PDB file of all heavy atoms in Angstrom:
ATOM      1  N   LEU A   1      18.356  10.857   9.761  1.00  0.00           N
ATOM      2  CA  LEU A   1      17.659   9.641  10.099  1.00  0.00           C
ATOM      3  C   LEU A   1      16.465   9.265   9.258  1.00  0.00           C
ATOM      4  O   LEU A   1      16.205   8.205   8.903  1.00  0.00           O
ATOM      5  CB  LEU A   1      17.155   9.719  11.612  1.00  0.00           C
ATOM      6  CG  LEU A   1      18.244   9.803  12.676  1.00  0.00           C
ATOM      7  CD1 LEU A   1      17.575   9.931  14.026  1.00  0.00           C
ATOM      8  CD2 LEU A   1      19.101   8.572  12.613  1.00  0.00           C
ATOM      9  N   VAL A   2      15.702  10.362   8.791  1.00  0.00           N
ATOM     10  CA  VAL A   2      14.438  10.152   8.148  1.00  0.00           C
ATOM     11  C   VAL A   2      14.504  10.225   6.625  1.00  0.00           C
ATOM     12  O   VAL A   2      13.933   9.440   5.912  1.00  0.00           O
ATOM     13  CB  VAL A   2      13.368  11.118   8.699  1.00  0.00           C
ATOM     14  CG1 VAL A   2      12.049  10.963   7.970  1.00  0.00           C
ATOM     15  CG2 VAL A   2      13.214  10.908  10.212  1.00  0.00           C
ATOM     16  N   ILE A   3      15.192  11.266   6.098  1.00  0.00           N
ATOM     17  CA  ILE A   3      15.134  11.519   4.698  1.00  0.00           C
ATOM     18  C   ILE A   3      15.653  10.288   3.882  1.00  0.00           C
ATOM     19  O   ILE A   3      15.023   9.929   2.834  1.00  0.00           O
ATOM     20  CB  ILE A   3      15.942  12.737   4.328  1.00  0.00           C
ATOM     21  CG1 ILE A   3      15.180  13.968   4.777  1.00  0.00           C
ATOM     22  CG2 ILE A   3      16.273  12.863   2.787  1.00  0.00           C
ATOM     23  CD1 ILE A   3      15.899  15.313   4.607  1.00  0.00           C
ATOM     24  N   PRO A   4      16.720   9.578   4.269  1.00  0.00           N
ATOM     25  CA  PRO A   4      17.155   8.437   3.485  1.00  0.00           C
ATOM     26  C   PRO A   4      15.989   7.303   3.402  1.00  0.00           C
ATOM     27  O   PRO A   4      15.926   6.739   2.413  1.00  0.00           O
ATOM     28  CB  PRO A   4      18.339   7.920   4.331  1.00  0.00           C
ATOM     29  CG  PRO A   4      18.883   9.067   4.967  1.00  0.00           C
ATOM     30  CD  PRO A   4      17.675   9.853   5.374  1.00  0.00           C
ATOM     31  N   LYS A   5      15.232   7.224   4.521  1.00  0.00           N
ATOM     32  CA  LYS A   5      14.068   6.205   4.437  1.00  0.00           C
ATOM     33  C   LYS A   5      13.069   6.639   3.457  1.00  0.00           C
ATOM     34  O   LYS A   5      12.443   5.788   2.771  1.00  0.00           O
ATOM     35  CB  LYS A   5      13.570   6.091   5.778  1.00  0.00           C
ATOM     36  CG  LYS A   5      14.497   5.471   6.854  1.00  0.00           C
ATOM     37  CD  LYS A   5      13.769   5.349   8.273  1.00  0.00           C
ATOM     38  CE  LYS A   5      14.735   4.682   9.222  1.00  0.00           C
ATOM     39  NZ  LYS A   5      14.150   4.545  10.533  1.00  0.00           N
ATOM     40  N   ILE A   6      12.802   7.943   3.338  1.00  0.00           N
ATOM     41  CA  ILE A   6      11.653   8.458   2.436  1.00  0.00           C
ATOM     42  C   ILE A   6      12.224   8.238   1.012  1.00  0.00           C
ATOM     43  O   ILE A   6      11.483   7.771   0.154  1.00  0.00           O
ATOM     44  CB  ILE A   6      11.516   9.928   2.633  1.00  0.00           C
ATOM     45  CG1 ILE A   6      10.810  10.140   4.059  1.00  0.00           C
ATOM     46  CG2 ILE A   6      10.596  10.500   1.587  1.00  0.00           C
ATOM     47  CD1 ILE A   6      10.562  11.610   4.427  1.00  0.00           C
ATOM     48  N   VAL A   7      13.560   8.514   0.757  1.00  0.00           N
ATOM     49  CA  VAL A   7      14.044   8.229  -0.537  1.00  0.00           C
ATOM     50  C   VAL A   7      14.025   6.802  -0.955  1.00  0.00           C
ATOM     51  O   VAL A   7      13.618   6.461  -2.136  1.00  0.00           O
ATOM     52  CB  VAL A   7      15.588   8.691  -0.615  1.00  0.00           C
ATOM     53  CG1 VAL A   7      16.242   8.298  -1.892  1.00  0.00           C
ATOM     54  CG2 VAL A   7      15.725  10.218  -0.381  1.00  0.00           C
ATOM     55  N   ASP A   8      14.272   5.888   0.021  1.00  0.00           N
ATOM     56  CA  ASP A   8      14.172   4.475  -0.302  1.00  0.00           C
ATOM     57  C   ASP A   8      12.759   4.072  -0.682  1.00  0.00           C
ATOM     58  O   ASP A   8      12.507   3.320  -1.530  1.00  0.00           O
ATOM     59  CB  ASP A   8      14.646   3.639   0.885  1.00  0.00           C
ATOM     60  CG  ASP A   8      16.093   3.688   1.047  1.00  0.00           C
ATOM     61  OD1 ASP A   8      16.817   4.023   0.096  1.00  0.00           O
ATOM     62  OD2 ASP A   8      16.643   3.440   2.138  1.00  0.00           O
ATOM     63  N   ARG A   9      11.744   4.650   0.027  1.00  0.00           N
ATOM     64  CA  ARG A   9      10.365   4.321  -0.270  1.00  0.00           C
ATOM     65  C   ARG A   9       9.940   4.781  -1.606  1.00  0.00           C
ATOM     66  O   ARG A   9       9.211   4.209  -2.364  1.00  0.00           O
ATOM     67  CB  ARG A   9       9.450   4.963   0.761  1.00  0.00           C
ATOM     68  CG  ARG A   9       9.562   4.353   2.203  1.00  0.00           C
ATOM     69  CD  ARG A   9       8.648   4.922   3.136  1.00  0.00           C
ATOM     70  NE  ARG A   9       7.228   4.518   2.743  1.00  0.00           N
ATOM     71  CZ  ARG A   9       6.169   5.144   3.275  1.00  0.00           C
ATOM     72  NH1 ARG A   9       6.285   6.098   4.124  1.00  0.00           N
ATOM     73  NH2 ARG A   9       5.008   4.720   2.894  1.00  0.00           N
ATOM     74  N   VAL A  10      10.443   5.968  -2.001  1.00  0.00           N
ATOM     75  CA  VAL A  10      10.127   6.481  -3.291  1.00  0.00           C
ATOM     76  C   VAL A  10      10.783   5.583  -4.414  1.00  0.00           C
ATOM     77  O   VAL A  10      10.111   5.265  -5.349  1.00  0.00           O
ATOM     78  CB  VAL A  10      10.651   7.931  -3.481  1.00  0.00           C
ATOM     79  CG1 VAL A  10      10.560   8.384  -4.929  1.00  0.00           C
ATOM     80  CG2 VAL A  10       9.915   8.875  -2.604  1.00  0.00           C
ATOM     81  N   LYS A  11      11.981   5.214  -4.167  1.00  0.00           N
ATOM     82  CA  LYS A  11      12.656   4.298  -5.140  1.00  0.00           C
ATOM     83  C   LYS A  11      11.905   2.977  -5.292  1.00  0.00           C
ATOM     84  O   LYS A  11      11.842   2.379  -6.365  1.00  0.00           O
ATOM     85  CB  LYS A  11      14.108   4.028  -4.723  1.00  0.00           C
ATOM     86  CG  LYS A  11      15.019   5.239  -4.867  1.00  0.00           C
ATOM     87  CD  LYS A  11      16.462   4.901  -4.453  1.00  0.00           C
ATOM     88  CE  LYS A  11      17.432   6.076  -4.620  1.00  0.00           C
ATOM     89  NZ  LYS A  11      18.809   5.702  -4.201  1.00  0.00           N
ATOM     90  N   ASN A  12      11.408   2.483  -4.185  1.00  0.00           N
ATOM     91  CA  ASN A  12      10.681   1.178  -4.233  1.00  0.00           C
ATOM     92  C   ASN A  12       9.181   1.283  -4.465  1.00  0.00           C
ATOM     93  O   ASN A  12       8.461   0.356  -4.369  1.00  0.00           O
ATOM     94  CB  ASN A  12      10.871   0.502  -2.866  1.00  0.00           C
ATOM     95  CG  ASN A  12      12.316   0.134  -2.547  1.00  0.00           C
ATOM     96  OD1 ASN A  12      13.060  -0.205  -3.473  1.00  0.00           O
ATOM     97  ND2 ASN A  12      12.754   0.198  -1.314  1.00  0.00           N
ATOM     98  N   ASN A  13       8.772   2.601  -4.816  1.00  0.00           N
ATOM     99  CA  ASN A  13       7.375   2.767  -5.204  1.00  0.00           C
ATOM    100  C   ASN A  13       6.360   2.466  -4.046  1.00  0.00           C
ATOM    101  O   ASN A  13       5.289   1.963  -4.220  1.00  0.00           O
ATOM    102  CB  ASN A  13       6.979   1.955  -6.451  1.00  0.00           C
ATOM    103  CG  ASN A  13       5.679   2.461  -7.063  1.00  0.00           C
ATOM    104  OD1 ASN A  13       5.316   3.669  -6.957  1.00  0.00           O
ATOM    105  ND2 ASN A  13       4.896   1.567  -7.702  1.00  0.00           N
ATOM    106  N   GLU A  14       6.869   2.730  -2.852  1.00  0.00           N
ATOM    107  CA  GLU A  14       6.001   2.476  -1.636  1.00  0.00           C
ATOM    108  C   GLU A  14       5.466   3.740  -0.951  1.00  0.00           C
ATOM    109  O   GLU A  14       4.951   3.678   0.151  1.00  0.00           O
ATOM    110  CB  GLU A  14       6.879   1.696  -0.663  1.00  0.00           C
ATOM    111  CG  GLU A  14       7.321   0.345  -1.171  1.00  0.00           C
ATOM    112  CD  GLU A  14       8.089  -0.387  -0.144  1.00  0.00           C
ATOM    113  OE1 GLU A  14       8.540   0.171   0.838  1.00  0.00           O
ATOM    114  OE2 GLU A  14       8.304  -1.646  -0.299  1.00  0.00           O
ATOM    115  N   ILE A  15       5.717   4.878  -1.616  1.00  0.00           N
ATOM    116  CA  ILE A  15       5.372   6.162  -0.937  1.00  0.00           C
ATOM    117  C   ILE A  15       3.899   6.285  -0.601  1.00  0.00           C
ATOM    118  O   ILE A  15       3.480   6.963   0.239  1.00  0.00           O
ATOM    119  CB  ILE A  15       5.931   7.327  -1.730  1.00  0.00           C
ATOM    120  CG1 ILE A  15       5.898   8.633  -0.880  1.00  0.00           C
ATOM    121  CG2 ILE A  15       5.179   7.488  -2.957  1.00  0.00           C
ATOM    122  CD1 ILE A  15       6.873   8.575   0.256  1.00  0.00           C
ATOM    123  N   VAL A  16       3.082   5.654  -1.554  1.00  0.00           N
ATOM    124  CA  VAL A  16       1.540   5.739  -1.333  1.00  0.00           C
ATOM    125  C   VAL A  16       0.979   4.625  -0.634  1.00  0.00           C
ATOM    126  O   VAL A  16      -0.210   4.519  -0.516  1.00  0.00           O
ATOM    127  CB  VAL A  16       0.884   6.065  -2.729  1.00  0.00           C
ATOM    128  CG1 VAL A  16       1.296   7.272  -3.381  1.00  0.00           C
ATOM    129  CG2 VAL A  16       1.158   4.777  -3.574  1.00  0.00           C
ATOM    130  N   LYS A  17       1.741   3.647  -0.267  1.00  0.00           N
ATOM    131  CA  LYS A  17       1.281   2.462   0.376  1.00  0.00           C
ATOM    132  C   LYS A  17       1.116   2.666   1.873  1.00  0.00           C
ATOM    133  O   LYS A  17       1.964   3.199   2.547  1.00  0.00           O
ATOM    134  CB  LYS A  17       2.246   1.236   0.113  1.00  0.00           C
ATOM    135  CG  LYS A  17       2.191   0.771  -1.359  1.00  0.00           C
ATOM    136  CD  LYS A  17       3.099  -0.460  -1.541  1.00  0.00           C
ATOM    137  CE  LYS A  17       3.078  -0.903  -3.016  1.00  0.00           C
ATOM    138  NZ  LYS A  17       3.899  -2.090  -3.208  1.00  0.00           N
ATOM    139  N   GLY A  18       0.070   2.147   2.430  1.00  0.00           N
ATOM    140  CA  GLY A  18      -0.217   2.249   3.812  1.00  0.00           C
ATOM    141  C   GLY A  18      -1.069   1.004   4.285  1.00  0.00           C
ATOM    142  O   GLY A  18      -1.554   0.314   3.480  1.00  0.00           O
ATOM    143  N   ASP A  19      -1.118   0.847   5.575  1.00  0.00           N
ATOM    144  CA  ASP A  19      -1.842  -0.310   6.059  1.00  0.00           C
ATOM    145  C   ASP A  19      -3.301  -0.359   5.606  1.00  0.00           C
ATOM    146  O   ASP A  19      -3.864  -1.304   5.282  1.00  0.00           O
ATOM    147  CB  ASP A  19      -1.756  -0.384   7.596  1.00  0.00           C
ATOM    148  CG  ASP A  19      -0.347  -0.645   8.120  1.00  0.00           C
ATOM    149  OD1 ASP A  19       0.370  -1.208   7.253  1.00  0.00           O
ATOM    150  OD2 ASP A  19      -0.025  -0.330   9.230  1.00  0.00           O
ATOM    151  N   ARG A  20      -3.969   0.794   5.742  1.00  0.00           N
ATOM    152  CA  ARG A  20      -5.406   0.924   5.342  1.00  0.00           C
ATOM    153  C   ARG A  20      -5.620   0.619   3.906  1.00  0.00           C
ATOM    154  O   ARG A  20      -6.531  -0.133   3.493  1.00  0.00           O
ATOM    155  CB  ARG A  20      -5.930   2.314   5.623  1.00  0.00           C
ATOM    156  CG  ARG A  20      -7.369   2.415   5.396  1.00  0.00           C
ATOM    157  CD  ARG A  20      -7.931   3.778   5.925  1.00  0.00           C
ATOM    158  NE  ARG A  20      -9.298   3.994   5.638  1.00  0.00           N
ATOM    159  CZ  ARG A  20      -9.760   4.465   4.534  1.00  0.00           C
ATOM    160  NH1 ARG A  20      -8.968   4.760   3.630  1.00  0.00           N
ATOM    161  NH2 ARG A  20     -11.097   4.572   4.312  1.00  0.00           N
ATOM    162  N   LEU A  21      -4.781   1.183   2.960  1.00  0.00           N
ATOM    163  CA  LEU A  21      -4.854   0.856   1.602  1.00  0.00           C
ATOM    164  C   LEU A  21      -4.634  -0.526   1.189  1.00  0.00           C
ATOM    165  O   LEU A  21      -5.321  -1.145   0.492  1.00  0.00           O
ATOM    166  CB  LEU A  21      -3.874   1.752   0.806  1.00  0.00           C
ATOM    167  CG  LEU A  21      -3.889   1.663  -0.753  1.00  0.00           C
ATOM    168  CD1 LEU A  21      -5.173   2.034  -1.255  1.00  0.00           C
ATOM    169  CD2 LEU A  21      -2.782   2.557  -1.323  1.00  0.00           C
ATOM    170  N   ASN A  22      -3.610  -1.114   1.858  1.00  0.00           N
ATOM    171  CA  ASN A  22      -3.293  -2.513   1.668  1.00  0.00           C
ATOM    172  C   ASN A  22      -4.385  -3.435   2.054  1.00  0.00           C
ATOM    173  O   ASN A  22      -4.818  -4.436   1.413  1.00  0.00           O
ATOM    174  CB  ASN A  22      -2.027  -2.928   2.362  1.00  0.00           C
ATOM    175  CG  ASN A  22      -0.780  -2.293   1.691  1.00  0.00           C
ATOM    176  OD1 ASN A  22      -0.846  -1.956   0.573  1.00  0.00           O
ATOM    177  ND2 ASN A  22       0.213  -2.210   2.464  1.00  0.00           N
ATOM    178  N   THR A  23      -5.123  -3.078   3.155  1.00  0.00           N
ATOM    179  CA  THR A  23      -6.213  -3.880   3.667  1.00  0.00           C
ATOM    180  C   THR A  23      -7.354  -3.839   2.718  1.00  0.00           C
ATOM    181  O   THR A  23      -7.965  -4.960   2.362  1.00  0.00           O
ATOM    182  CB  THR A  23      -6.647  -3.381   5.042  1.00  0.00           C
ATOM    183  OG1 THR A  23      -5.499  -3.431   5.943  1.00  0.00           O
ATOM    184  CG2 THR A  23      -7.812  -4.224   5.555  1.00  0.00           C
ATOM    185  N   VAL A  24      -7.732  -2.690   2.191  1.00  0.00           N
ATOM    186  CA  VAL A  24      -8.817  -2.536   1.290  1.00  0.00           C
ATOM    187  C   VAL A  24      -8.522  -3.276  -0.051  1.00  0.00           C
ATOM    188  O   VAL A  24      -9.444  -4.078  -0.514  1.00  0.00           O
ATOM    189  CB  VAL A  24      -9.114  -1.051   0.892  1.00  0.00           C
ATOM    190  CG1 VAL A  24     -10.103  -0.968  -0.176  1.00  0.00           C
ATOM    191  CG2 VAL A  24      -9.564  -0.299   2.181  1.00  0.00           C
ATOM    192  N   THR A  25      -7.307  -3.136  -0.548  1.00  0.00           N
ATOM    193  CA  THR A  25      -6.974  -3.865  -1.799  1.00  0.00           C
ATOM    194  C   THR A  25      -7.063  -5.414  -1.661  1.00  0.00           C
ATOM    195  O   THR A  25      -7.581  -6.138  -2.422  1.00  0.00           O
ATOM    196  CB  THR A  25      -5.530  -3.517  -2.294  1.00  0.00           C
ATOM    197  OG1 THR A  25      -5.542  -2.087  -2.449  1.00  0.00           O
ATOM    198  CG2 THR A  25      -5.218  -4.148  -3.555  1.00  0.00           C
ATOM    199  N   SER A  26      -6.551  -5.851  -0.509  1.00  0.00           N
ATOM    200  CA  SER A  26      -6.574  -7.254  -0.228  1.00  0.00           C
ATOM    201  C   SER A  26      -7.975  -7.853  -0.100  1.00  0.00           C
ATOM    202  O   SER A  26      -8.265  -8.877  -0.585  1.00  0.00           O
ATOM    203  CB  SER A  26      -5.839  -7.563   1.064  1.00  0.00           C
ATOM    204  OG  SER A  26      -5.852  -8.872   1.425  1.00  0.00           O
ATOM    205  N   HIS A  27      -8.808  -6.969   0.487  1.00  0.00           N
ATOM    206  CA  HIS A  27     -10.225  -7.463   0.644  1.00  0.00           C
ATOM    207  C   HIS A  27     -10.943  -7.650  -0.730  1.00  0.00           C
ATOM    208  O   HIS A  27     -11.585  -8.540  -0.980  1.00  0.00           O
ATOM    209  CB  HIS A  27     -11.038  -6.379   1.448  1.00  0.00           C
ATOM    210  CG  HIS A  27     -12.495  -6.699   1.632  1.00  0.00           C
ATOM    211  ND1 HIS A  27     -13.039  -7.724   2.272  1.00  0.00           N
ATOM    212  CD2 HIS A  27     -13.543  -6.041   1.069  1.00  0.00           C
ATOM    213  CE1 HIS A  27     -14.282  -7.752   2.224  1.00  0.00           C
ATOM    214  NE2 HIS A  27     -14.681  -6.721   1.455  1.00  0.00           N
ATOM    215  N   LYS A  28     -10.720  -6.631  -1.627  1.00  0.00           N
ATOM    216  CA  LYS A  28     -11.317  -6.679  -2.986  1.00  0.00           C
ATOM    217  C   LYS A  28     -10.741  -7.853  -3.771  1.00  0.00           C
ATOM    218  O   LYS A  28     -11.521  -8.432  -4.521  1.00  0.00           O
ATOM    219  CB  LYS A  28     -11.033  -5.388  -3.666  1.00  0.00           C
ATOM    220  CG  LYS A  28     -11.893  -4.224  -3.190  1.00  0.00           C
ATOM    221  CD  LYS A  28     -11.693  -2.981  -4.081  1.00  0.00           C
ATOM    222  CE  LYS A  28     -12.579  -1.843  -3.582  1.00  0.00           C
ATOM    223  NZ  LYS A  28     -12.393  -0.698  -4.450  1.00  0.00           N
ATOM    224  N   GLU A  29      -9.460  -8.244  -3.559  1.00  0.00           N
ATOM    225  CA  GLU A  29      -8.917  -9.274  -4.350  1.00  0.00           C
ATOM    226  C   GLU A  29      -9.457 -10.643  -3.912  1.00  0.00           C
ATOM    227  O   GLU A  29      -9.602 -11.519  -4.646  1.00  0.00           O
ATOM    228  CB  GLU A  29      -7.390  -9.242  -4.260  1.00  0.00           C
ATOM    229  CG  GLU A  29      -6.747  -8.057  -4.953  1.00  0.00           C
ATOM    230  CD  GLU A  29      -5.282  -8.011  -4.858  1.00  0.00           C
ATOM    231  OE1 GLU A  29      -4.765  -8.720  -3.961  1.00  0.00           O
ATOM    232  OE2 GLU A  29      -4.575  -7.204  -5.474  1.00  0.00           O
ATOM    233  N   SER A  30      -9.830 -10.751  -2.623  1.00  0.00           N
ATOM    234  CA  SER A  30     -10.206 -12.090  -2.084  1.00  0.00           C
ATOM    235  C   SER A  30     -11.695 -12.323  -2.108  1.00  0.00           C
ATOM    236  O   SER A  30     -12.139 -13.452  -1.872  1.00  0.00           O
ATOM    237  CB  SER A  30      -9.747 -12.245  -0.658  1.00  0.00           C
ATOM    238  OG  SER A  30     -10.311 -11.157   0.199  1.00  0.00           O
ATOM    239  N   GLY A  31     -12.476 -11.319  -2.369  1.00  0.00           N
ATOM    240  CA  GLY A  31     -14.009 -11.451  -2.346  1.00  0.00           C
ATOM    241  C   GLY A  31     -14.611 -11.074  -3.609  1.00  0.00           C
ATOM    242  O   GLY A  31     -14.092 -10.187  -4.387  1.00  0.00           O
ATOM    243  N   LEU A  32     -15.820 -11.585  -3.939  1.00  0.00           N
ATOM    244  CA  LEU A  32     -16.601 -11.183  -5.037  1.00  0.00           C
ATOM    245  C   LEU A  32     -17.835 -10.535  -4.565  1.00  0.00           C
ATOM    246  O   LEU A  32     -18.479 -10.931  -3.574  1.00  0.00           O
ATOM    247  CB  LEU A  32     -16.872 -12.369  -5.893  1.00  0.00           C
ATOM    248  CG  LEU A  32     -15.677 -13.152  -6.446  1.00  0.00           C
ATOM    249  CD1 LEU A  32     -16.133 -14.443  -7.248  1.00  0.00           C
ATOM    250  CD2 LEU A  32     -14.965 -12.274  -7.475  1.00  0.00           C
ATOM    251  N   ALA A  33     -18.382  -9.626  -5.373  1.00  0.00           N
ATOM    252  CA  ALA A  33     -19.653  -8.921  -5.070  1.00  0.00           C
ATOM    253  C   ALA A  33     -20.829  -9.940  -5.163  1.00  0.00           C
ATOM    254  O   ALA A  33     -20.886 -10.778  -6.036  1.00  0.00           O
ATOM    255  CB  ALA A  33     -19.804  -7.714  -5.956  1.00  0.00           C
ATOM    256  N   LYS A  34     -21.827  -9.698  -4.248  1.00  0.00           N
ATOM    257  CA  LYS A  34     -22.988 -10.469  -4.259  1.00  0.00           C
ATOM    258  C   LYS A  34     -24.171  -9.641  -4.822  1.00  0.00           C
ATOM    259  O   LYS A  34     -24.529  -8.672  -4.208  1.00  0.00           O
ATOM    260  CB  LYS A  34     -23.326 -10.995  -2.882  1.00  0.00           C
ATOM    261  CG  LYS A  34     -24.526 -12.023  -2.860  1.00  0.00           C
ATOM    262  CD  LYS A  34     -24.875 -12.386  -1.454  1.00  0.00           C
ATOM    263  CE  LYS A  34     -23.784 -13.278  -0.806  1.00  0.00           C
ATOM    264  NZ  LYS A  34     -24.162 -13.698   0.542  1.00  0.00           N
ATOM    265  N   ILE A  35     -24.669  -9.946  -6.010  1.00  0.00           N
ATOM    266  CA  ILE A  35     -25.615  -9.141  -6.721  1.00  0.00           C
ATOM    267  C   ILE A  35     -27.101  -9.418  -6.152  1.00  0.00           C
ATOM    268  O   ILE A  35     -27.912  -8.580  -6.004  1.00  0.00           O
ATOM    269  CB  ILE A  35     -25.664  -9.332  -8.193  1.00  0.00           C
ATOM    270  CG1 ILE A  35     -24.204  -9.134  -8.799  1.00  0.00           C
ATOM    271  CG2 ILE A  35     -26.659  -8.545  -8.876  1.00  0.00           C
ATOM    272  CD1 ILE A  35     -23.653  -7.776  -8.481  1.00  0.00           C
TER     273      ILE A  35
END
């Protein structure tokens, strides 16, 4: 049940992606630092 899903994630380069990481990246892309 599980190993094929892990293999697919590796093939799709998604093994390091997670909700928290995606949220942080999205925040940086949409905002600019205020000096």
